[in-house]
Protein backbone atom coordinates (compact mmCIF):
# COMPACT_ATOMS: atom_id res chain seq x y z
CA MET A 1 -3.19 -4.42 12.53
CA LEU A 2 -5.86 -2.99 14.73
CA VAL A 3 -8.89 -1.64 12.76
CA GLU A 4 -11.07 0.26 15.24
CA ASP A 5 -12.88 3.58 14.97
CA ASN A 6 -13.13 4.25 18.72
CA ILE A 7 -9.73 5.77 19.43
CA SER A 8 -9.93 5.19 23.19
CA TYR A 9 -10.70 1.50 22.78
CA ARG A 10 -8.05 1.23 20.07
CA ARG A 11 -5.43 2.72 22.42
CA ILE A 12 -6.37 0.46 25.24
CA VAL A 13 -6.05 -2.66 23.07
CA ARG A 14 -2.86 -1.40 21.43
CA ASP A 15 -1.20 -0.50 24.79
CA ASP A 16 -2.23 -3.90 26.26
CA LEU A 17 -0.73 -5.73 23.29
CA LEU A 18 2.51 -3.80 23.40
CA SER A 19 2.87 -4.33 27.14
CA ARG A 20 2.41 -8.11 26.67
CA PHE A 21 4.32 -8.46 23.42
CA PRO A 22 6.89 -5.64 23.23
CA SER A 23 8.49 -7.03 20.09
CA ILE A 24 5.33 -6.83 17.91
CA LYS A 25 4.45 -3.89 15.67
CA VAL A 26 0.84 -2.70 15.85
CA ILE A 27 -0.41 -0.81 12.85
CA GLU A 28 -3.63 1.16 13.56
CA ALA A 29 -6.47 2.13 11.29
CA SER A 30 -9.68 3.98 12.28
CA ASN A 31 -11.61 3.05 9.07
CA GLY A 32 -11.61 0.75 6.07
CA GLU A 33 -9.75 3.19 3.84
CA GLU A 34 -6.90 3.51 6.32
CA ALA A 35 -6.76 -0.26 6.79
CA LEU A 36 -6.50 -0.95 3.05
CA LYS A 37 -3.91 1.74 2.63
CA GLY A 38 -1.89 0.33 5.58
CA LEU A 39 -2.06 -3.18 4.14
CA PHE A 40 -0.84 -1.92 0.78
CA PHE A 41 2.29 -0.41 2.33
CA CYS A 42 2.85 -2.93 5.11
CA PRO A 43 1.30 -6.39 4.70
CA VAL A 44 0.36 -7.92 8.05
CA ASP A 45 -0.39 -11.43 9.34
CA LEU A 46 -3.00 -10.78 11.98
CA ILE A 47 -5.79 -8.22 11.95
CA PHE A 48 -8.20 -7.36 14.74
CA MET A 49 -11.26 -5.85 12.95
CA ASP A 50 -14.13 -3.90 14.45
CA ILE A 51 -17.37 -5.16 13.01
CA SER A 52 -18.83 -1.68 12.87
CA LEU A 53 -16.74 0.97 11.10
CA PRO A 54 -17.88 4.41 9.95
CA SER A 55 -17.04 4.07 6.24
CA GLN A 56 -17.42 0.34 5.73
CA ILE A 57 -18.81 -2.60 7.64
CA GLY A 58 -16.04 -4.76 9.04
CA ILE A 59 -17.51 -7.88 7.59
CA LEU A 60 -17.37 -6.46 4.00
CA LEU A 61 -13.88 -5.09 4.65
CA THR A 62 -12.78 -8.55 5.83
CA LYS A 63 -14.06 -10.11 2.61
CA GLU A 64 -12.15 -7.54 0.62
CA ILE A 65 -8.96 -7.98 2.56
CA LYS A 66 -9.15 -11.78 2.30
CA LEU A 67 -9.42 -11.51 -1.52
CA ASP A 68 -6.06 -9.74 -1.72
CA ASN A 69 -4.49 -11.29 1.38
CA PRO A 70 -5.82 -14.85 1.75
CA ASN A 71 -3.20 -15.75 4.36
CA ALA A 72 -4.05 -12.83 6.62
CA THR A 73 -5.85 -13.94 9.80
CA VAL A 74 -8.72 -11.64 10.71
CA VAL A 75 -10.35 -11.63 14.13
CA MET A 76 -13.63 -9.75 14.37
CA LEU A 77 -14.27 -7.52 17.40
CA SER A 78 -17.80 -6.54 18.33
CA GLY A 79 -19.71 -5.04 21.16
CA TYR A 80 -22.71 -7.14 20.06
CA ASN A 81 -22.63 -10.71 21.20
CA PHE A 82 -25.15 -12.12 18.70
CA ASP A 83 -24.97 -15.46 16.99
CA ASP A 84 -25.85 -13.86 13.63
CA TYR A 85 -22.79 -11.53 13.96
CA ARG A 86 -20.57 -14.50 14.82
CA ARG A 87 -21.80 -16.47 11.79
CA ALA A 88 -21.43 -13.51 9.47
CA ALA A 89 -17.89 -12.89 10.72
CA LEU A 90 -16.78 -16.43 10.04
CA GLN A 91 -18.56 -16.50 6.63
CA SER A 92 -16.68 -13.36 5.66
CA GLY A 93 -13.40 -15.11 6.17
CA ALA A 94 -12.64 -14.11 9.74
CA SER A 95 -10.92 -16.78 11.83
CA GLY A 96 -12.46 -15.64 15.02
CA PHE A 97 -14.84 -13.40 16.92
CA ILE A 98 -14.27 -11.65 20.24
CA CYS A 99 -16.96 -9.74 22.09
CA LYS A 100 -15.64 -6.34 23.21
CA ASP A 101 -17.99 -6.25 26.20
CA SER A 102 -16.31 -9.33 27.69
CA MET A 103 -14.66 -8.77 31.06
CA ASN A 104 -11.44 -10.24 29.89
CA VAL A 105 -11.15 -8.99 26.31
CA GLY A 106 -7.43 -8.16 26.89
CA GLU A 107 -6.72 -11.74 27.87
CA GLN A 108 -8.61 -13.01 24.89
CA VAL A 109 -6.77 -10.79 22.42
CA SER A 110 -3.48 -11.86 24.06
CA THR A 111 -4.49 -15.50 23.77
CA VAL A 112 -5.16 -14.99 20.07
CA VAL A 113 -1.74 -13.42 19.56
CA THR A 114 0.01 -16.14 21.49
CA CYS A 115 -1.82 -18.92 19.56
CA PHE A 116 -1.17 -17.17 16.28
CA ARG A 117 2.52 -16.79 16.98
CA GLY A 118 2.80 -20.43 17.96
CA ALA A 119 0.89 -21.58 14.83
CA LYS A 120 3.11 -19.45 12.60
CA LYS A 121 6.31 -20.71 14.25
CA ALA A 122 5.08 -24.31 13.87
CA GLY A 123 4.52 -23.64 10.10
CA ARG A 124 0.74 -23.77 10.15
CA LEU A 125 -0.73 -21.08 7.91
CA LYS A 126 -3.86 -20.43 10.02
CA PRO A 127 -4.99 -21.35 13.53
CA ALA A 128 -8.41 -22.94 13.80
CA CYS A 129 -11.54 -20.84 14.01
CA PHE A 130 -12.69 -19.84 17.45
CA LEU A 131 -15.45 -17.90 19.10
CA LEU A 132 -14.87 -16.09 22.37
CA SER A 133 -17.40 -14.21 24.48
């Protein structure tokens, strides 16, 4: 699932993911309500979550999602590369943090997906926490 309010950025990430991993299904949400509704109808394993959403802060939404879906892996996306944001993301239950302003964000997202798929195939419930910038 890709939870991102900026439709242009969401489409770029989605298209990049689908070009690299044509067999995956990407569910999109532009806000917290859509994300929760989507998770109700179609549980997912991996969520890329914008830290700043219009109706709900991504950190609070991550906490809520993790209560109902403890095995879901959430990776926080932010345009703000601050240590406080990274700490808050991990404390909310996110497994990782990627800065959107990074020159190679597409590579980083792809690396996360590749590692996640490998961890799932190997029978590990969750990959280790990581911080990318």
